[in-house]
N, C-alpha and C. Protein backbone atom coordinates (compact mmCIF):
# COMPACT_ATOMS: atom_id res chain seq x y z
N UNK A 1 37.49 -50.09 -41.93
CA UNK A 1 38.90 -50.37 -42.13
C UNK A 1 39.63 -50.03 -40.82
N UNK A 2 40.48 -50.93 -40.35
CA UNK A 2 41.23 -50.63 -39.13
C UNK A 2 42.21 -49.48 -39.35
N UNK A 3 42.54 -48.82 -38.27
CA UNK A 3 43.49 -47.71 -38.31
C UNK A 3 44.66 -48.11 -37.42
N UNK A 4 45.78 -48.43 -38.02
CA UNK A 4 46.92 -48.93 -37.25
C UNK A 4 48.06 -47.93 -37.29
N UNK A 5 48.54 -47.56 -36.11
CA UNK A 5 49.72 -46.73 -35.95
C UNK A 5 50.76 -47.57 -35.22
N UNK A 6 51.98 -47.53 -35.69
CA UNK A 6 53.07 -48.22 -35.03
C UNK A 6 54.12 -47.18 -34.67
N UNK A 7 54.51 -47.16 -33.40
CA UNK A 7 55.46 -46.18 -32.90
C UNK A 7 56.89 -46.72 -32.96
N UNK A 8 57.80 -45.85 -33.35
CA UNK A 8 59.22 -46.18 -33.42
C UNK A 8 60.03 -45.03 -32.84
N UNK A 9 61.15 -45.36 -32.23
CA UNK A 9 62.09 -44.31 -31.83
C UNK A 9 62.65 -43.66 -33.10
N UNK A 10 62.89 -44.47 -34.14
CA UNK A 10 63.37 -43.97 -35.43
C UNK A 10 62.73 -44.82 -36.53
N UNK A 11 61.70 -44.30 -37.16
CA UNK A 11 60.94 -45.06 -38.16
C UNK A 11 61.78 -45.42 -39.37
N UNK A 12 62.83 -44.65 -39.67
CA UNK A 12 63.62 -44.93 -40.86
C UNK A 12 64.34 -46.28 -40.76
N UNK A 13 64.67 -46.70 -39.55
CA UNK A 13 65.32 -48.01 -39.39
C UNK A 13 64.38 -49.12 -39.85
N UNK A 14 63.10 -49.02 -39.54
CA UNK A 14 62.14 -50.03 -39.97
C UNK A 14 61.86 -49.91 -41.46
N UNK A 15 61.68 -48.68 -41.93
CA UNK A 15 61.34 -48.48 -43.34
C UNK A 15 62.47 -48.92 -44.27
N UNK A 16 63.71 -48.78 -43.82
CA UNK A 16 64.85 -49.21 -44.64
C UNK A 16 64.85 -50.72 -44.88
N UNK A 17 64.20 -51.47 -44.00
CA UNK A 17 64.18 -52.93 -44.09
C UNK A 17 62.88 -53.48 -44.67
N UNK A 18 61.97 -52.60 -45.04
CA UNK A 18 60.63 -53.02 -45.43
C UNK A 18 60.28 -52.46 -46.80
N UNK A 19 59.92 -53.35 -47.73
CA UNK A 19 59.46 -52.88 -49.03
C UNK A 19 58.10 -52.23 -48.83
N UNK A 20 57.99 -50.96 -49.25
CA UNK A 20 56.74 -50.23 -49.01
C UNK A 20 56.55 -49.14 -50.06
N UNK A 21 55.34 -48.63 -50.10
CA UNK A 21 54.97 -47.51 -50.96
C UNK A 21 54.40 -46.44 -50.04
N UNK A 22 54.85 -45.22 -50.20
CA UNK A 22 54.38 -44.13 -49.34
C UNK A 22 52.97 -43.69 -49.74
N UNK A 23 52.16 -43.41 -48.76
CA UNK A 23 50.80 -42.92 -48.99
C UNK A 23 50.86 -41.48 -49.47
N UNK A 24 49.77 -41.06 -50.12
CA UNK A 24 49.69 -39.72 -50.70
C UNK A 24 48.50 -38.96 -50.12
N UNK A 25 48.68 -37.67 -49.89
CA UNK A 25 47.59 -36.80 -49.45
C UNK A 25 46.79 -36.33 -50.67
N UNK A 26 45.63 -35.75 -50.42
CA UNK A 26 44.81 -35.27 -51.55
C UNK A 26 45.49 -34.14 -52.32
N UNK A 27 46.48 -33.50 -51.71
CA UNK A 27 47.24 -32.44 -52.39
C UNK A 27 48.28 -33.02 -53.35
N UNK A 28 48.46 -34.36 -53.29
CA UNK A 28 49.47 -35.01 -54.11
C UNK A 28 50.81 -35.14 -53.41
N UNK A 29 50.92 -34.54 -52.22
CA UNK A 29 52.16 -34.63 -51.45
C UNK A 29 52.21 -35.94 -50.66
N UNK A 30 53.40 -36.26 -50.23
CA UNK A 30 53.63 -37.47 -49.45
C UNK A 30 52.96 -37.35 -48.08
N UNK A 31 52.26 -38.39 -47.66
CA UNK A 31 51.70 -38.47 -46.32
C UNK A 31 52.86 -38.55 -45.35
N UNK A 32 52.80 -37.84 -44.23
CA UNK A 32 53.93 -37.80 -43.29
C UNK A 32 54.32 -39.16 -42.73
N UNK A 33 53.35 -40.03 -42.49
CA UNK A 33 53.65 -41.28 -41.80
C UNK A 33 53.10 -42.53 -42.48
N UNK A 34 52.15 -42.38 -43.39
CA UNK A 34 51.45 -43.52 -43.95
C UNK A 34 52.21 -44.25 -45.04
N UNK A 35 52.14 -45.58 -44.97
CA UNK A 35 52.77 -46.44 -45.98
C UNK A 35 51.82 -47.59 -46.30
N UNK A 36 52.10 -48.23 -47.44
CA UNK A 36 51.41 -49.47 -47.83
C UNK A 36 52.48 -50.53 -47.98
N UNK A 37 52.20 -51.71 -47.48
CA UNK A 37 53.12 -52.83 -47.66
C UNK A 37 52.53 -53.84 -48.64
N UNK A 38 51.46 -53.45 -49.29
CA UNK A 38 50.84 -54.28 -50.31
C UNK A 38 51.02 -53.62 -51.67
N UNK A 39 50.73 -54.35 -52.71
CA UNK A 39 50.85 -53.80 -54.06
C UNK A 39 49.72 -52.82 -54.31
N UNK A 40 50.08 -51.58 -54.56
CA UNK A 40 49.11 -50.51 -54.81
C UNK A 40 49.65 -49.70 -55.99
N UNK A 41 48.80 -49.13 -56.82
CA UNK A 41 49.32 -48.31 -57.91
C UNK A 41 50.23 -47.19 -57.37
N UNK A 42 51.40 -47.04 -57.99
CA UNK A 42 52.35 -46.04 -57.49
C UNK A 42 53.21 -45.51 -58.62
N UNK A 43 53.82 -44.37 -58.34
CA UNK A 43 54.76 -43.75 -59.26
C UNK A 43 56.13 -44.35 -58.95
N UNK A 44 56.75 -45.07 -59.88
CA UNK A 44 58.03 -45.73 -59.59
C UNK A 44 59.20 -44.76 -59.38
N UNK A 45 59.04 -43.53 -59.80
CA UNK A 45 60.12 -42.55 -59.62
C UNK A 45 60.07 -41.97 -58.20
N UNK A 46 58.87 -41.64 -57.73
CA UNK A 46 58.73 -41.02 -56.39
C UNK A 46 58.43 -42.04 -55.30
N UNK A 47 58.04 -43.24 -55.68
CA UNK A 47 57.58 -44.28 -54.75
C UNK A 47 56.34 -43.82 -53.95
N UNK A 48 55.55 -42.92 -54.53
CA UNK A 48 54.30 -42.45 -53.91
C UNK A 48 53.13 -43.16 -54.56
N UNK A 49 52.15 -43.50 -53.75
CA UNK A 49 50.91 -44.05 -54.27
C UNK A 49 50.28 -43.05 -55.22
N UNK A 50 49.69 -43.55 -56.30
CA UNK A 50 48.98 -42.65 -57.22
C UNK A 50 47.55 -42.42 -56.76
N UNK A 51 47.15 -43.10 -55.69
CA UNK A 51 45.82 -42.91 -55.10
C UNK A 51 45.96 -42.16 -53.79
N UNK A 52 45.16 -41.14 -53.61
CA UNK A 52 45.11 -40.43 -52.33
C UNK A 52 44.65 -41.45 -51.28
N UNK A 53 45.14 -41.32 -50.05
CA UNK A 53 44.95 -42.38 -49.06
C UNK A 53 43.48 -42.69 -48.77
N UNK A 54 42.58 -41.72 -48.86
CA UNK A 54 41.16 -42.01 -48.64
C UNK A 54 40.58 -42.80 -49.81
N UNK A 55 41.00 -42.46 -51.03
CA UNK A 55 40.58 -43.24 -52.21
C UNK A 55 41.11 -44.66 -52.11
N UNK A 56 42.37 -44.78 -51.68
CA UNK A 56 42.99 -46.10 -51.55
C UNK A 56 42.21 -46.95 -50.54
N UNK A 57 41.81 -46.34 -49.43
CA UNK A 57 41.04 -47.07 -48.44
C UNK A 57 39.70 -47.52 -49.02
N UNK A 58 39.05 -46.65 -49.78
CA UNK A 58 37.78 -47.00 -50.41
C UNK A 58 37.93 -48.17 -51.37
N UNK A 59 39.12 -48.35 -51.91
CA UNK A 59 39.39 -49.46 -52.85
C UNK A 59 39.95 -50.70 -52.14
N UNK A 60 40.03 -50.64 -50.82
CA UNK A 60 40.45 -51.81 -50.05
C UNK A 60 41.92 -51.89 -49.71
N UNK A 61 42.67 -50.84 -49.98
CA UNK A 61 44.08 -50.83 -49.60
C UNK A 61 44.21 -50.44 -48.13
N UNK A 62 45.22 -50.95 -47.49
CA UNK A 62 45.38 -50.82 -46.05
C UNK A 62 46.63 -50.00 -45.72
N UNK A 63 46.42 -48.77 -45.22
CA UNK A 63 47.53 -47.88 -44.85
C UNK A 63 47.92 -48.14 -43.40
N UNK A 64 49.21 -48.14 -43.17
CA UNK A 64 49.76 -48.25 -41.81
C UNK A 64 50.58 -46.99 -41.56
N UNK A 65 50.40 -46.38 -40.40
CA UNK A 65 51.19 -45.20 -40.04
C UNK A 65 52.38 -45.63 -39.19
N UNK A 66 53.58 -45.33 -39.67
CA UNK A 66 54.81 -45.57 -38.93
C UNK A 66 55.20 -44.23 -38.32
N UNK A 67 55.10 -44.11 -37.01
CA UNK A 67 55.29 -42.84 -36.32
C UNK A 67 56.63 -42.77 -35.60
N UNK A 68 57.28 -41.63 -35.70
CA UNK A 68 58.46 -41.36 -34.89
C UNK A 68 57.98 -40.85 -33.54
N UNK A 69 58.29 -41.57 -32.50
CA UNK A 69 57.92 -41.16 -31.14
C UNK A 69 59.19 -41.22 -30.31
N UNK A 70 59.80 -40.04 -30.11
CA UNK A 70 61.10 -40.00 -29.44
C UNK A 70 61.04 -40.41 -27.98
N UNK A 71 59.86 -40.60 -27.45
CA UNK A 71 59.70 -41.09 -26.07
C UNK A 71 60.47 -42.39 -25.88
N UNK A 72 60.55 -43.18 -26.92
CA UNK A 72 61.15 -44.51 -26.82
C UNK A 72 62.67 -44.53 -26.92
N UNK A 73 63.28 -43.38 -27.14
CA UNK A 73 64.73 -43.34 -27.30
C UNK A 73 65.49 -43.87 -26.09
N UNK A 74 64.95 -43.73 -24.89
CA UNK A 74 65.64 -44.20 -23.69
C UNK A 74 65.36 -45.66 -23.33
N UNK A 75 64.51 -46.32 -24.11
CA UNK A 75 64.18 -47.72 -23.83
C UNK A 75 65.31 -48.60 -24.36
N UNK A 76 65.86 -49.43 -23.46
CA UNK A 76 67.04 -50.23 -23.80
C UNK A 76 66.70 -51.47 -24.61
N UNK A 77 65.59 -52.13 -24.25
CA UNK A 77 65.21 -53.37 -24.92
C UNK A 77 63.77 -53.72 -24.56
N UNK A 78 63.30 -54.85 -25.05
CA UNK A 78 61.92 -55.27 -24.82
C UNK A 78 61.62 -55.46 -23.33
N UNK A 79 62.56 -56.01 -22.61
CA UNK A 79 62.37 -56.23 -21.17
C UNK A 79 62.27 -54.91 -20.41
N UNK A 80 63.11 -53.97 -20.79
CA UNK A 80 63.09 -52.65 -20.16
C UNK A 80 61.75 -51.96 -20.42
N UNK A 81 61.24 -52.07 -21.66
CA UNK A 81 59.94 -51.49 -21.98
C UNK A 81 58.84 -52.12 -21.13
N UNK A 82 58.86 -53.43 -21.00
CA UNK A 82 57.85 -54.12 -20.18
C UNK A 82 57.92 -53.65 -18.72
N UNK A 83 59.13 -53.48 -18.21
CA UNK A 83 59.32 -52.99 -16.85
C UNK A 83 58.75 -51.58 -16.68
N UNK A 84 59.02 -50.72 -17.65
CA UNK A 84 58.52 -49.34 -17.60
C UNK A 84 56.99 -49.30 -17.67
N UNK A 85 56.41 -50.20 -18.45
CA UNK A 85 54.94 -50.26 -18.57
C UNK A 85 54.28 -50.83 -17.33
N UNK A 86 54.96 -51.78 -16.69
CA UNK A 86 54.39 -52.43 -15.50
C UNK A 86 54.49 -51.58 -14.25
N UNK A 87 55.41 -50.64 -14.25
CA UNK A 87 55.63 -49.79 -13.07
C UNK A 87 54.57 -48.69 -12.99
N UNK A 88 53.91 -48.60 -11.85
CA UNK A 88 52.92 -47.53 -11.64
C UNK A 88 53.66 -46.20 -11.60
N UNK A 89 53.26 -45.24 -12.45
CA UNK A 89 53.96 -43.95 -12.45
C UNK A 89 53.57 -43.11 -11.23
N UNK A 90 54.34 -42.11 -10.96
CA UNK A 90 54.03 -41.16 -9.90
C UNK A 90 53.07 -40.12 -10.50
N UNK A 91 51.77 -40.44 -10.45
CA UNK A 91 50.76 -39.61 -11.10
C UNK A 91 50.79 -38.16 -10.62
N UNK A 92 51.13 -37.94 -9.35
CA UNK A 92 51.17 -36.58 -8.81
C UNK A 92 52.14 -35.68 -9.56
N UNK A 93 53.14 -36.26 -10.21
CA UNK A 93 54.11 -35.45 -10.94
C UNK A 93 53.46 -34.67 -12.08
N UNK A 94 52.36 -35.19 -12.63
CA UNK A 94 51.67 -34.48 -13.71
C UNK A 94 51.09 -33.15 -13.23
N UNK A 95 50.94 -33.00 -11.91
CA UNK A 95 50.42 -31.76 -11.36
C UNK A 95 51.50 -30.69 -11.21
N UNK A 96 52.75 -31.08 -11.45
CA UNK A 96 53.87 -30.14 -11.40
C UNK A 96 54.11 -29.61 -12.82
N UNK A 97 53.97 -28.30 -13.00
CA UNK A 97 54.05 -27.71 -14.33
C UNK A 97 55.34 -28.08 -15.06
N UNK A 98 56.46 -27.99 -14.40
CA UNK A 98 57.74 -28.28 -15.04
C UNK A 98 57.78 -29.72 -15.57
N UNK A 99 57.27 -30.66 -14.78
CA UNK A 99 57.25 -32.06 -15.21
C UNK A 99 56.24 -32.25 -16.33
N UNK A 100 55.05 -31.73 -16.14
CA UNK A 100 53.97 -31.88 -17.13
C UNK A 100 54.41 -31.35 -18.49
N UNK A 101 55.14 -30.26 -18.51
CA UNK A 101 55.57 -29.67 -19.78
C UNK A 101 56.64 -30.48 -20.49
N UNK A 102 57.21 -31.49 -19.85
CA UNK A 102 58.17 -32.38 -20.49
C UNK A 102 57.49 -33.56 -21.16
N UNK A 103 56.19 -33.73 -20.92
CA UNK A 103 55.51 -34.96 -21.30
C UNK A 103 54.77 -34.82 -22.63
N UNK A 104 55.01 -35.80 -23.46
CA UNK A 104 54.38 -36.01 -24.76
C UNK A 104 52.86 -35.88 -24.63
N UNK A 105 52.25 -35.13 -25.48
CA UNK A 105 50.80 -34.95 -25.60
C UNK A 105 50.11 -34.14 -24.49
N UNK A 106 50.71 -34.00 -23.32
CA UNK A 106 50.04 -33.23 -22.26
C UNK A 106 50.74 -31.91 -21.97
N UNK A 107 51.93 -31.71 -22.57
CA UNK A 107 52.62 -30.43 -22.33
C UNK A 107 51.71 -29.29 -22.80
N UNK A 108 51.65 -28.26 -21.99
CA UNK A 108 50.79 -27.13 -22.29
C UNK A 108 49.39 -27.25 -21.67
N UNK A 109 49.10 -28.38 -21.07
CA UNK A 109 47.78 -28.60 -20.46
C UNK A 109 47.88 -28.81 -18.95
N UNK A 110 48.91 -28.22 -18.34
CA UNK A 110 49.16 -28.42 -16.91
C UNK A 110 47.96 -28.08 -16.04
N UNK A 111 47.34 -26.93 -16.25
CA UNK A 111 46.22 -26.52 -15.40
C UNK A 111 45.09 -27.53 -15.43
N UNK A 112 44.74 -27.98 -16.63
CA UNK A 112 43.63 -28.93 -16.76
C UNK A 112 43.98 -30.29 -16.17
N UNK A 113 45.17 -30.78 -16.44
CA UNK A 113 45.54 -32.09 -15.90
C UNK A 113 45.66 -32.04 -14.38
N UNK A 114 46.13 -30.90 -13.84
CA UNK A 114 46.23 -30.76 -12.37
C UNK A 114 44.85 -30.73 -11.74
N UNK A 115 43.87 -30.19 -12.46
CA UNK A 115 42.51 -30.13 -11.93
C UNK A 115 41.80 -31.49 -12.04
N UNK A 116 41.99 -32.19 -13.15
CA UNK A 116 41.28 -33.46 -13.36
C UNK A 116 41.97 -34.65 -12.70
N UNK A 117 43.28 -34.58 -12.49
CA UNK A 117 44.06 -35.58 -11.77
C UNK A 117 43.85 -37.02 -12.25
N UNK A 118 44.22 -37.35 -13.48
CA UNK A 118 44.12 -38.76 -13.89
C UNK A 118 45.04 -39.63 -13.04
N UNK A 119 44.54 -40.82 -12.69
CA UNK A 119 45.30 -41.72 -11.81
C UNK A 119 45.36 -43.15 -12.35
N UNK A 120 45.10 -43.30 -13.65
CA UNK A 120 45.21 -44.63 -14.28
C UNK A 120 45.40 -44.42 -15.78
N UNK A 121 45.78 -45.47 -16.46
CA UNK A 121 45.92 -45.44 -17.92
C UNK A 121 44.59 -45.02 -18.54
N UNK A 122 43.49 -45.60 -18.07
CA UNK A 122 42.18 -45.31 -18.64
C UNK A 122 41.81 -43.84 -18.45
N UNK A 123 42.05 -43.30 -17.26
CA UNK A 123 41.75 -41.89 -17.02
C UNK A 123 42.66 -40.99 -17.84
N UNK A 124 43.92 -41.34 -17.97
CA UNK A 124 44.84 -40.56 -18.79
C UNK A 124 44.40 -40.60 -20.25
N UNK A 125 43.95 -41.74 -20.72
CA UNK A 125 43.44 -41.87 -22.09
C UNK A 125 42.22 -40.97 -22.29
N UNK A 126 41.33 -40.94 -21.31
CA UNK A 126 40.16 -40.07 -21.40
C UNK A 126 40.59 -38.60 -21.40
N UNK A 127 41.59 -38.27 -20.59
CA UNK A 127 42.11 -36.90 -20.58
C UNK A 127 42.61 -36.51 -21.97
N UNK A 128 43.37 -37.39 -22.61
CA UNK A 128 43.88 -37.10 -23.95
C UNK A 128 42.74 -36.90 -24.94
N UNK A 129 41.69 -37.69 -24.81
CA UNK A 129 40.54 -37.55 -25.70
C UNK A 129 39.81 -36.23 -25.46
N UNK A 130 39.78 -35.77 -24.22
CA UNK A 130 39.12 -34.50 -23.90
C UNK A 130 39.78 -33.31 -24.58
N UNK A 131 41.02 -33.43 -24.95
CA UNK A 131 41.76 -32.33 -25.55
C UNK A 131 41.38 -32.11 -27.02
N UNK A 132 40.73 -33.07 -27.63
CA UNK A 132 40.37 -32.98 -29.05
C UNK A 132 39.06 -32.23 -29.22
N UNK A 133 38.92 -31.49 -30.33
CA UNK A 133 37.72 -30.65 -30.54
C UNK A 133 36.39 -31.37 -30.38
N UNK A 134 36.31 -32.61 -30.80
CA UNK A 134 35.05 -33.34 -30.74
C UNK A 134 34.61 -33.72 -29.33
N UNK A 135 35.49 -33.57 -28.35
CA UNK A 135 35.15 -33.98 -26.98
C UNK A 135 35.35 -32.88 -25.94
N UNK A 136 35.79 -31.72 -26.35
CA UNK A 136 36.03 -30.62 -25.39
C UNK A 136 34.78 -30.26 -24.59
N UNK A 137 33.61 -30.49 -25.17
CA UNK A 137 32.37 -30.17 -24.46
C UNK A 137 32.18 -31.01 -23.19
N UNK A 138 32.94 -32.09 -23.05
CA UNK A 138 32.83 -32.96 -21.87
C UNK A 138 33.73 -32.50 -20.72
N UNK A 139 34.60 -31.53 -20.97
CA UNK A 139 35.51 -31.06 -19.91
C UNK A 139 34.75 -30.58 -18.67
N UNK A 140 33.71 -29.73 -18.81
CA UNK A 140 33.00 -29.28 -17.60
C UNK A 140 32.35 -30.45 -16.83
N UNK A 141 31.85 -31.44 -17.55
CA UNK A 141 31.24 -32.61 -16.90
C UNK A 141 32.30 -33.36 -16.11
N UNK A 142 33.47 -33.54 -16.72
CA UNK A 142 34.56 -34.24 -16.04
C UNK A 142 35.04 -33.46 -14.83
N UNK A 143 35.11 -32.14 -14.95
CA UNK A 143 35.53 -31.31 -13.81
C UNK A 143 34.56 -31.46 -12.65
N UNK A 144 33.29 -31.49 -12.95
CA UNK A 144 32.27 -31.54 -11.90
C UNK A 144 32.07 -32.94 -11.32
N UNK A 145 32.07 -33.97 -12.20
CA UNK A 145 31.67 -35.31 -11.75
C UNK A 145 32.76 -36.38 -11.87
N UNK A 146 33.90 -36.04 -12.48
CA UNK A 146 34.98 -37.01 -12.61
C UNK A 146 34.93 -37.80 -13.90
N UNK A 147 35.96 -38.60 -14.10
CA UNK A 147 36.11 -39.37 -15.33
C UNK A 147 35.00 -40.40 -15.52
N UNK A 148 34.48 -40.95 -14.44
CA UNK A 148 33.43 -41.95 -14.56
C UNK A 148 32.18 -41.38 -15.26
N UNK A 149 31.95 -40.10 -15.12
CA UNK A 149 30.76 -39.47 -15.71
C UNK A 149 30.86 -39.35 -17.23
N UNK A 150 32.07 -39.45 -17.78
CA UNK A 150 32.22 -39.30 -19.23
C UNK A 150 32.67 -40.58 -19.91
N UNK A 151 32.91 -41.65 -19.17
CA UNK A 151 33.56 -42.83 -19.74
C UNK A 151 32.79 -43.49 -20.88
N UNK A 152 31.49 -43.30 -20.97
CA UNK A 152 30.74 -43.91 -22.07
C UNK A 152 30.67 -42.99 -23.28
N UNK A 153 30.51 -41.71 -23.05
CA UNK A 153 30.37 -40.76 -24.16
C UNK A 153 31.71 -40.38 -24.79
N UNK A 154 32.79 -40.47 -24.05
CA UNK A 154 34.09 -40.01 -24.55
C UNK A 154 34.54 -40.78 -25.79
N UNK A 155 34.10 -42.03 -25.94
CA UNK A 155 34.57 -42.86 -27.05
C UNK A 155 33.60 -42.94 -28.22
N UNK A 156 32.46 -42.23 -28.15
CA UNK A 156 31.54 -42.25 -29.28
C UNK A 156 32.10 -41.39 -30.42
N UNK A 157 31.92 -41.85 -31.63
CA UNK A 157 32.44 -41.15 -32.81
C UNK A 157 31.67 -39.85 -33.03
N UNK A 158 32.41 -38.79 -33.41
CA UNK A 158 31.80 -37.50 -33.69
C UNK A 158 32.25 -37.01 -35.06
N UNK A 159 31.57 -36.01 -35.57
CA UNK A 159 31.96 -35.39 -36.84
C UNK A 159 33.26 -34.61 -36.68
N UNK A 160 33.42 -33.97 -35.51
CA UNK A 160 34.64 -33.22 -35.25
C UNK A 160 35.75 -34.19 -34.86
N UNK A 161 36.99 -33.73 -35.02
CA UNK A 161 38.15 -34.57 -34.72
C UNK A 161 38.13 -35.03 -33.27
N UNK A 162 38.28 -36.32 -33.10
CA UNK A 162 38.38 -36.90 -31.75
C UNK A 162 39.29 -38.12 -31.83
N UNK A 163 39.76 -38.56 -30.67
CA UNK A 163 40.61 -39.74 -30.61
C UNK A 163 39.76 -41.00 -30.48
N UNK A 164 40.21 -42.04 -31.14
CA UNK A 164 39.64 -43.36 -30.90
C UNK A 164 40.20 -43.87 -29.58
N UNK A 165 39.46 -44.75 -28.95
CA UNK A 165 39.91 -45.29 -27.66
C UNK A 165 41.28 -45.97 -27.81
N UNK A 166 41.46 -46.73 -28.88
CA UNK A 166 42.73 -47.44 -29.06
C UNK A 166 43.91 -46.47 -29.15
N UNK A 167 43.73 -45.34 -29.83
CA UNK A 167 44.81 -44.36 -29.91
C UNK A 167 45.08 -43.74 -28.55
N UNK A 168 44.03 -43.37 -27.86
CA UNK A 168 44.20 -42.74 -26.54
C UNK A 168 44.89 -43.68 -25.56
N UNK A 169 44.48 -44.94 -25.56
CA UNK A 169 45.11 -45.92 -24.65
C UNK A 169 46.59 -46.09 -25.03
N UNK A 170 46.87 -46.18 -26.32
CA UNK A 170 48.27 -46.31 -26.76
C UNK A 170 49.11 -45.12 -26.34
N UNK A 171 48.59 -43.90 -26.55
CA UNK A 171 49.33 -42.71 -26.14
C UNK A 171 49.47 -42.63 -24.63
N UNK A 172 48.45 -43.05 -23.89
CA UNK A 172 48.55 -43.06 -22.43
C UNK A 172 49.67 -43.99 -21.98
N UNK A 173 49.79 -45.15 -22.61
CA UNK A 173 50.89 -46.06 -22.29
C UNK A 173 52.24 -45.41 -22.60
N UNK A 174 52.33 -44.71 -23.74
CA UNK A 174 53.58 -44.04 -24.09
C UNK A 174 53.94 -42.97 -23.05
N UNK A 175 52.92 -42.28 -22.55
CA UNK A 175 53.16 -41.27 -21.51
C UNK A 175 53.68 -41.92 -20.23
N UNK A 176 53.11 -43.05 -19.86
CA UNK A 176 53.59 -43.77 -18.67
C UNK A 176 55.04 -44.18 -18.85
N UNK A 177 55.38 -44.67 -20.04
CA UNK A 177 56.78 -45.03 -20.33
C UNK A 177 57.66 -43.80 -20.16
N UNK A 178 57.24 -42.68 -20.73
CA UNK A 178 58.05 -41.46 -20.63
C UNK A 178 58.18 -40.99 -19.19
N UNK A 179 57.09 -41.00 -18.44
CA UNK A 179 57.14 -40.58 -17.04
C UNK A 179 58.13 -41.45 -16.26
N UNK A 180 58.04 -42.76 -16.46
CA UNK A 180 58.92 -43.67 -15.73
C UNK A 180 60.37 -43.56 -16.19
N UNK A 181 60.59 -43.27 -17.48
CA UNK A 181 61.96 -43.05 -17.96
C UNK A 181 62.57 -41.80 -17.32
N UNK A 182 61.79 -40.75 -17.21
CA UNK A 182 62.29 -39.52 -16.59
C UNK A 182 62.65 -39.79 -15.13
N UNK A 183 61.77 -40.47 -14.42
CA UNK A 183 62.04 -40.78 -13.01
C UNK A 183 63.24 -41.70 -12.87
N UNK A 184 63.37 -42.65 -13.77
CA UNK A 184 64.52 -43.57 -13.76
C UNK A 184 65.82 -42.79 -13.97
N UNK A 185 65.80 -41.87 -14.94
CA UNK A 185 66.99 -41.06 -15.23
C UNK A 185 67.36 -40.18 -14.04
N UNK A 186 66.36 -39.54 -13.43
CA UNK A 186 66.63 -38.69 -12.27
C UNK A 186 67.16 -39.52 -11.11
N UNK A 187 66.58 -40.68 -10.88
CA UNK A 187 67.02 -41.56 -9.81
C UNK A 187 68.48 -41.99 -10.04
N UNK A 188 68.81 -42.30 -11.30
CA UNK A 188 70.17 -42.72 -11.64
C UNK A 188 71.15 -41.57 -11.40
N UNK A 189 70.74 -40.34 -11.78
CA UNK A 189 71.63 -39.18 -11.62
C UNK A 189 71.92 -38.86 -10.16
N UNK A 190 70.97 -39.18 -9.28
CA UNK A 190 71.15 -38.86 -7.86
C UNK A 190 71.65 -40.03 -7.04
N UNK A 191 71.92 -41.16 -7.69
CA UNK A 191 72.41 -42.32 -6.91
C UNK A 191 73.91 -42.42 -6.95
């Protein structure tokens, strides 16, 4: 079953316009981000699925995660987003603790990112994957031999929590957008 996450600056704006049923955790509580846009058994009072999301998947229902990602709050429109994505970020800024600590998903990992020095979306995606328990064992290999030494093993599925390549690439793109937005804002303030 595919795993789809969709990022929004404010997910409630999309959810208000979309007929949906909220996914349920095995505890019976509402899933933080998961929804169904198909007909699934649900409680009409709570609008929660009566099937826990893993059971629902086993029965062929398709959950979509609508995520709030405040990184996108400064994006003006589709063209602006494309411009931010197309612009090569100043990768060296990630080596500055103050800057690194402002960045989605890498804040708190300044020392490691400064040592590994990702210089592309793919390397940044691998860096994000290295932070997960299922791939931490590859950190020493990456430190010694670089990202190329781990590029095949980093995406293999493990029993421990790890990122899928698609998630890592998506988050790496979001980080590039955030980095370029910060630089754009600073440039505007000093012009």
